[in-house]
């Protein structure tokens, strides 16, 4: 606790008298009986009360007006609809202002889903999407083709594409600097509703391995910045993660049911892991696992199965099937 100081309107002699009676901190002074304080300091009761009021004004948190708090709660964006009916249904009306992870094996449609979400979130609203490309494979032509096949005019296509701000980032330090500038107001993105990072492991893996703790340090800094965007700016953050698959023919007696599937006929276990390590496992508010369905693939489209898990209720998993084609994800 902070110690009593001269700035708290107390003289050297008054401080000395209080210290001799084991009243050394602000908390001690505030909790002590006012009459005893008056006797020890030779100050009047009004003077003691004035000192207390000054301490409260200086160190207490500013009060929040109940009406202002209520208005903020009802006007705050509760969620952002993805525009994909089945996905919005399992997400309980859309993407909340939190950290969302999209994870899956290579070729499962992660980037395709991110592009479709970006399109749908801006096409019928004033929202702006910040799309952070860490792999250098973002295709504006792909978005243009989706819009063209869905019948949008060149003018509408231009308006939609202008609302999707593309930034290429190659290091995690640059990503931290970018988010930090948004936080401090050095970079202003009007009507920013969602930040999409495709993908996060590309940056973090540069600092993982051996006894290197820098990767965890940078990841922790990113999480704190993401939470600031969520809480203070009402901005959702989607992070694309990578899933790895391990095959082992030796089936152990105990198998982790959440991350392992067993093919009894072939006598092997298939273990799927989310990358970014254990620290990241419980960070996302919502986890979306994408799995490509091999049964319904044709020449022009494929089906993906999405499993959604909410961190508040991890035992409940909601699923839906989506179709990926030249028209987008639907």
Protein backbone atom coordinates (compact mmCIF):
# COMPACT_ATOMS: atom_id res chain seq x y z
CA UNK A 1 0.00 0.00 0.00
CA UNK A 2 1.19 3.57 -0.71
CA UNK A 3 2.89 5.32 2.20
CA UNK A 4 1.68 8.63 3.64
CA UNK A 5 3.46 11.60 2.08
CA UNK A 6 3.75 15.33 2.54
CA UNK A 7 1.61 15.76 -0.56
CA UNK A 8 -1.27 14.32 1.48
CA UNK A 9 -1.37 17.67 3.44
CA UNK A 10 0.58 16.35 6.42
CA UNK A 11 3.64 18.03 7.97
CA UNK A 12 6.83 16.25 9.02
CA UNK A 13 5.82 16.32 12.70
CA UNK A 14 2.35 14.96 11.91
CA UNK A 15 3.83 12.15 9.80
CA UNK A 16 6.33 11.33 12.55
CA UNK A 17 3.56 11.12 15.16
CA UNK A 18 1.48 8.83 12.91
CA UNK A 19 4.46 6.59 12.11
CA UNK A 20 5.22 6.18 15.79
CA UNK A 21 1.70 4.83 16.20
CA UNK A 22 2.07 2.44 13.24
CA UNK A 23 -0.02 4.51 10.88
CA UNK A 24 2.30 4.52 7.90
CA UNK A 25 0.17 3.93 4.81
CA UNK A 26 -2.83 5.52 3.18
CA UNK A 27 -4.93 2.50 4.08
CA UNK A 28 -3.90 2.78 7.74
CA UNK A 29 -4.88 6.46 7.73
CA UNK A 30 -8.25 5.82 6.10
CA UNK A 31 -9.14 2.94 8.41
CA UNK A 32 -8.10 4.64 11.62
CA UNK A 33 -10.61 6.35 13.92
CA UNK A 34 -10.88 10.07 13.10
CA UNK A 35 -10.77 11.18 16.73
CA UNK A 36 -7.53 9.26 17.31
CA UNK A 37 -6.03 10.84 14.20
CA UNK A 38 -7.07 14.27 15.47
CA UNK A 39 -5.35 13.66 18.81
CA UNK A 40 -2.14 12.31 17.23
CA UNK A 41 -1.79 15.08 14.64
CA UNK A 42 -3.30 17.93 16.65
CA UNK A 43 -5.59 18.62 13.70
CA UNK A 44 -9.30 19.34 13.90
CA UNK A 45 -11.89 16.82 12.73
CA UNK A 46 -12.81 18.92 9.67
CA UNK A 47 -9.13 19.01 8.70
CA UNK A 48 -8.84 15.21 9.04
CA UNK A 49 -11.95 14.74 6.93
CA UNK A 50 -10.61 17.13 4.29
CA UNK A 51 -7.35 15.16 4.09
CA UNK A 52 -9.34 11.95 3.70
CA UNK A 53 -11.45 13.46 0.91
CA UNK A 54 -8.31 14.60 -0.91
CA UNK A 55 -6.88 11.08 -0.68
CA UNK A 56 -10.10 9.61 -2.08
CA UNK A 57 -10.10 12.11 -4.97
CA UNK A 58 -6.46 11.47 -5.79
CA UNK A 59 -6.32 7.68 -5.59
CA UNK A 60 -9.84 6.36 -6.11
CA UNK A 61 -11.15 5.20 -9.47
CA UNK A 62 -13.46 7.62 -11.23
CA UNK A 63 -17.12 6.77 -10.71
CA UNK A 64 -19.19 5.64 -13.69
CA UNK A 65 -22.63 7.07 -14.18
CA UNK A 66 -25.23 4.31 -14.17
CA UNK A 67 -27.12 5.80 -17.13
CA UNK A 68 -23.93 6.05 -19.20
CA UNK A 69 -23.04 2.46 -18.33
CA UNK A 70 -26.50 1.26 -19.37
CA UNK A 71 -26.37 3.15 -22.67
CA UNK A 72 -22.94 1.67 -23.40
CA UNK A 73 -24.17 -1.84 -22.68
CA UNK A 74 -27.18 -1.60 -25.02
CA UNK A 75 -25.34 0.20 -27.82
CA UNK A 76 -22.22 -1.98 -27.76
CA UNK A 77 -21.91 -4.33 -30.69
CA UNK A 78 -22.87 -7.78 -29.41
CA UNK A 79 -21.70 -9.72 -32.45
CA UNK A 80 -20.85 -9.49 -36.14
CA UNK A 81 -22.87 -11.67 -38.44
CA UNK A 82 -20.77 -13.71 -40.85
CA UNK A 83 -23.55 -13.73 -43.44
CA UNK A 84 -23.38 -17.55 -43.55
CA UNK A 85 -26.66 -18.72 -42.03
CA UNK A 86 -25.48 -22.12 -40.76
CA UNK A 87 -22.29 -20.66 -39.27
CA UNK A 88 -24.11 -17.78 -37.56
CA UNK A 89 -26.51 -20.34 -36.09
CA UNK A 90 -23.79 -22.37 -34.32
CA UNK A 91 -22.04 -19.14 -33.27
CA UNK A 92 -25.22 -17.86 -31.57
CA UNK A 93 -25.97 -15.02 -34.03
CA UNK A 94 -22.42 -14.26 -35.16
CA UNK A 95 -18.85 -13.47 -34.17
CA UNK A 96 -18.54 -11.78 -30.75
CA UNK A 97 -16.08 -9.01 -29.94
CA UNK A 98 -13.47 -11.49 -28.75
CA UNK A 99 -10.66 -13.70 -29.98
CA UNK A 100 -11.83 -16.38 -32.43
CA UNK A 101 -9.61 -19.15 -33.75
CA UNK A 102 -10.11 -20.83 -37.10
CA UNK A 103 -8.10 -24.04 -37.18
CA UNK A 104 -7.76 -26.94 -39.57
CA UNK A 105 -5.44 -29.04 -41.68
CA UNK A 106 -3.92 -27.70 -44.89
CA UNK A 107 -6.55 -27.39 -47.60
CA UNK A 108 -9.50 -27.40 -45.20
CA UNK A 109 -10.76 -23.98 -46.37
CA UNK A 110 -9.48 -21.67 -43.61
CA UNK A 111 -8.44 -18.81 -45.90
CA UNK A 112 -11.54 -19.25 -48.06
CA UNK A 113 -13.74 -18.91 -44.98
CA UNK A 114 -11.84 -15.79 -43.83
CA UNK A 115 -12.29 -14.15 -47.23
CA UNK A 116 -16.01 -14.95 -47.24
CA UNK A 117 -16.45 -13.57 -43.72
CA UNK A 118 -14.63 -10.40 -44.76
CA UNK A 119 -16.90 -9.96 -47.78
CA UNK A 120 -20.12 -10.63 -45.87
CA UNK A 121 -19.24 -8.37 -42.95
CA UNK A 122 -18.75 -5.28 -45.13
CA UNK A 123 -21.11 -5.71 -48.09
CA UNK A 124 -24.32 -4.49 -46.39
CA UNK A 125 -22.90 -2.30 -43.64
CA UNK A 126 -20.45 0.49 -42.82
CA UNK A 127 -18.04 -2.01 -41.24
CA UNK A 128 -14.37 -2.08 -42.17
CA UNK A 129 -12.25 -5.24 -42.01
CA UNK A 130 -8.50 -5.23 -41.42
CA UNK A 131 -7.15 -8.32 -43.18
CA UNK A 132 -3.56 -9.08 -42.10
CA UNK A 133 -1.81 -11.38 -44.57
CA UNK A 134 1.27 -13.09 -43.13
CA UNK A 135 1.80 -15.62 -45.93
CA UNK A 136 1.75 -13.34 -48.95
CA UNK A 137 -0.96 -15.37 -50.67
CA UNK A 138 -4.00 -13.14 -50.24
CA UNK A 139 -5.80 -12.88 -53.58
CA UNK A 140 -7.86 -9.79 -54.35
CA UNK A 141 -8.73 -11.45 -57.66
CA UNK A 142 -10.36 -14.31 -55.74
CA UNK A 143 -12.61 -11.85 -53.88
CA UNK A 144 -13.37 -10.01 -57.12
CA UNK A 145 -14.32 -13.29 -58.80
CA UNK A 146 -16.65 -14.28 -55.94
CA UNK A 147 -18.40 -10.90 -56.12
CA UNK A 148 -18.61 -11.05 -59.90
CA UNK A 149 -20.17 -14.53 -59.91
CA UNK A 150 -22.70 -13.37 -57.31
CA UNK A 151 -23.91 -10.61 -59.64
CA UNK A 152 -22.38 -7.50 -58.08
CA UNK A 153 -21.80 -4.48 -60.28
CA UNK A 154 -18.30 -3.06 -60.73
CA UNK A 155 -19.25 -0.11 -58.54
CA UNK A 156 -20.51 -2.32 -55.69
CA UNK A 157 -17.45 -4.56 -56.04
CA UNK A 158 -15.17 -1.54 -55.68
CA UNK A 159 -17.04 -0.29 -52.58
CA UNK A 160 -16.84 -3.71 -50.91
CA UNK A 161 -13.17 -4.20 -51.71
CA UNK A 162 -12.26 -0.74 -50.41
CA UNK A 163 -13.74 -1.70 -47.02
CA UNK A 164 -11.36 -4.67 -46.75
CA UNK A 165 -8.01 -3.16 -45.78
CA UNK A 166 -5.12 -5.50 -46.64
CA UNK A 167 -1.86 -5.31 -44.70
CA UNK A 168 1.05 -7.68 -45.27
CA UNK A 169 3.10 -8.44 -42.16
CA UNK A 170 6.19 -10.65 -42.13
CA UNK A 171 7.31 -10.64 -38.48
CA UNK A 172 5.52 -10.82 -35.15
CA UNK A 173 7.31 -7.65 -34.06
CA UNK A 174 5.70 -5.79 -36.96
CA UNK A 175 2.28 -7.23 -36.06
CA UNK A 176 2.66 -6.06 -32.45
CA UNK A 177 3.71 -2.62 -33.66
CA UNK A 178 0.69 -2.43 -35.98
CA UNK A 179 -1.83 -3.35 -33.27
CA UNK A 180 -0.07 -1.03 -30.82
CA UNK A 181 -0.48 1.89 -33.23
CA UNK A 182 -4.19 1.10 -33.59
CA UNK A 183 -4.48 1.03 -29.81
CA UNK A 184 -2.69 4.37 -29.37
CA UNK A 185 -4.59 6.04 -32.20
CA UNK A 186 -1.57 6.55 -34.48
CA UNK A 187 -3.38 4.41 -37.05
CA UNK A 188 -7.11 5.04 -37.39
CA UNK A 189 -9.32 2.61 -39.30
CA UNK A 190 -12.82 4.05 -39.49
CA UNK A 191 -15.65 1.71 -38.47
CA UNK A 192 -13.22 -1.11 -37.75
CA UNK A 193 -15.27 -4.14 -36.77
CA UNK A 194 -12.99 -7.12 -37.30
CA UNK A 195 -9.30 -7.96 -37.58
CA UNK A 196 -8.42 -11.15 -39.47
CA UNK A 197 -4.91 -12.59 -39.15
CA UNK A 198 -4.15 -15.26 -41.74
CA UNK A 199 -2.19 -16.90 -40.27
CA UNK A 200 -0.65 -16.48 -36.80
CA UNK A 201 1.72 -19.52 -36.69
CA UNK A 202 3.68 -18.10 -39.64
CA UNK A 203 4.88 -15.33 -37.34
CA UNK A 204 5.08 -17.09 -34.00
CA UNK A 205 7.00 -20.16 -35.22
CA UNK A 206 9.96 -17.91 -36.03
CA UNK A 207 10.59 -17.63 -32.28
CA UNK A 208 9.64 -21.13 -31.07
CA UNK A 209 11.98 -24.02 -30.39
CA UNK A 210 14.68 -25.15 -27.94
CA UNK A 211 14.73 -22.97 -24.82
CA UNK A 212 13.72 -19.81 -26.65
CA UNK A 213 11.06 -18.00 -24.61
CA UNK A 214 10.68 -15.06 -26.98
CA UNK A 215 7.83 -16.72 -28.87
CA UNK A 216 5.77 -16.99 -25.69
CA UNK A 217 6.69 -13.43 -24.75
CA UNK A 218 5.52 -12.03 -28.10
CA UNK A 219 2.38 -14.19 -28.06
CA UNK A 220 1.46 -12.89 -24.62
CA UNK A 221 1.91 -9.29 -25.77
CA UNK A 222 -0.32 -9.96 -28.76
CA UNK A 223 -3.05 -11.48 -26.59
CA UNK A 224 -3.07 -8.40 -24.34
CA UNK A 225 -3.37 -6.12 -27.38
CA UNK A 226 -6.15 -8.28 -28.84
CA UNK A 227 -8.08 -8.06 -25.59
CA UNK A 228 -7.72 -4.28 -25.62
CA UNK A 229 -9.25 -4.22 -29.10
CA UNK A 230 -12.07 -6.46 -27.85
CA UNK A 231 -12.87 -4.54 -24.67
CA UNK A 232 -12.09 -0.93 -25.50
CA UNK A 233 -12.63 -0.67 -29.27
CA UNK A 234 -15.34 -3.34 -29.59
CA UNK A 235 -13.37 -5.10 -32.35
CA UNK A 236 -13.36 -8.85 -32.95
CA UNK A 237 -10.15 -10.69 -33.81
CA UNK A 238 -10.01 -13.84 -35.95
CA UNK A 239 -6.73 -15.77 -35.84
CA UNK A 240 -6.06 -18.58 -38.29
CA UNK A 241 -4.19 -21.45 -36.67
CA UNK A 242 -2.72 -24.62 -38.17
CA UNK A 243 -3.69 -28.14 -37.24
CA UNK A 244 -1.20 -31.00 -37.47
CA UNK A 245 -2.02 -34.69 -37.77
CA UNK A 246 0.03 -37.53 -36.31
CA UNK A 247 -0.42 -41.19 -37.16
CA UNK A 248 0.75 -43.89 -34.75
CA UNK A 249 0.23 -47.62 -35.12
CA UNK A 250 0.84 -48.30 -31.42
CA UNK A 251 -2.52 -47.79 -29.70
CA UNK A 252 -2.06 -46.89 -26.02
CA UNK A 253 -4.39 -48.00 -23.25
CA UNK A 254 -5.41 -44.42 -22.60
CA UNK A 255 -6.39 -42.12 -25.44
CA UNK A 256 -7.27 -38.45 -25.17
CA UNK A 257 -10.75 -38.37 -26.71
CA UNK A 258 -10.68 -34.64 -27.47
CA UNK A 259 -7.68 -34.72 -29.79
CA UNK A 260 -7.38 -38.32 -30.94
CA UNK A 261 -9.44 -40.52 -33.22
CA UNK A 262 -8.92 -44.27 -33.61
CA UNK A 263 -9.36 -46.41 -36.67
CA UNK A 264 -9.79 -49.87 -35.12
CA UNK A 265 -9.85 -51.75 -38.42
CA UNK A 266 -6.41 -50.52 -39.43
CA UNK A 267 -5.04 -50.51 -35.87
CA UNK A 268 -3.72 -46.97 -35.81
CA UNK A 269 -4.44 -43.75 -33.98
CA UNK A 270 -4.79 -40.37 -35.60
CA UNK A 271 -3.96 -37.45 -33.35
CA UNK A 272 -4.80 -33.89 -34.40
CA UNK A 273 -3.09 -31.04 -32.55
CA UNK A 274 -3.60 -27.29 -32.65
CA UNK A 275 -0.35 -25.41 -33.05
CA UNK A 276 0.85 -22.37 -31.03
CA UNK A 277 1.35 -24.41 -27.85
CA UNK A 278 -0.46 -24.94 -24.57
CA UNK A 279 -0.50 -21.25 -23.62
CA UNK A 280 -2.74 -20.50 -26.59
CA UNK A 281 -5.16 -23.41 -26.06
CA UNK A 282 -7.55 -21.53 -23.75
CA UNK A 283 -7.06 -18.03 -25.18
CA UNK A 284 -9.74 -17.99 -27.95
CA UNK A 285 -13.30 -17.30 -26.84
CA UNK A 286 -14.54 -19.46 -29.72
CA UNK A 287 -12.71 -22.25 -31.52
CA UNK A 288 -13.75 -23.25 -35.04
CA UNK A 289 -12.27 -26.53 -36.30
CA UNK A 290 -12.56 -27.07 -40.06
CA UNK A 291 -12.47 -30.52 -41.59
CA UNK A 292 -12.68 -31.26 -45.27
CA UNK A 293 -15.26 -33.86 -46.24
CA UNK A 294 -14.01 -36.31 -48.86
CA UNK A 295 -17.40 -37.86 -49.54
CA UNK A 296 -19.12 -34.98 -51.29
CA UNK A 297 -16.29 -33.53 -53.38
CA UNK A 298 -16.97 -32.85 -57.07
CA UNK A 299 -15.04 -31.01 -59.75
CA UNK A 300 -16.37 -27.58 -58.81
CA UNK A 301 -16.95 -27.66 -55.05
CA UNK A 302 -16.12 -29.31 -51.76
CA UNK A 303 -17.81 -29.63 -48.38
CA UNK A 304 -16.28 -28.70 -45.06
CA UNK A 305 -17.49 -29.58 -41.59
CA UNK A 306 -17.15 -26.86 -38.95
CA UNK A 307 -17.15 -27.67 -35.24
CA UNK A 308 -17.64 -24.67 -32.91
CA UNK A 309 -16.62 -24.72 -29.25
CA UNK A 310 -17.27 -21.86 -26.82
CA UNK A 311 -14.71 -21.46 -24.03
CA UNK A 312 -17.54 -20.80 -21.54
CA UNK A 313 -19.02 -24.23 -22.29
CA UNK A 314 -16.24 -26.40 -23.77
CA UNK A 315 -18.21 -29.64 -23.44
CA UNK A 316 -20.82 -28.48 -25.97
CA UNK A 317 -19.71 -28.68 -29.59
CA UNK A 318 -21.99 -27.39 -32.36
CA UNK A 319 -21.43 -28.40 -35.97
CA UNK A 320 -22.53 -27.40 -39.44
CA UNK A 321 -21.70 -28.30 -43.04
CA UNK A 322 -20.67 -25.63 -45.56
CA UNK A 323 -20.03 -25.76 -49.28
CA UNK A 324 -16.98 -24.12 -50.87
CA UNK A 325 -17.19 -23.30 -54.56
CA UNK A 326 -16.42 -20.56 -57.07
CA UNK A 327 -19.38 -18.65 -55.59
CA UNK A 328 -17.67 -18.59 -52.17
CA UNK A 329 -18.54 -20.31 -48.91
CA UNK A 330 -22.21 -20.95 -48.14
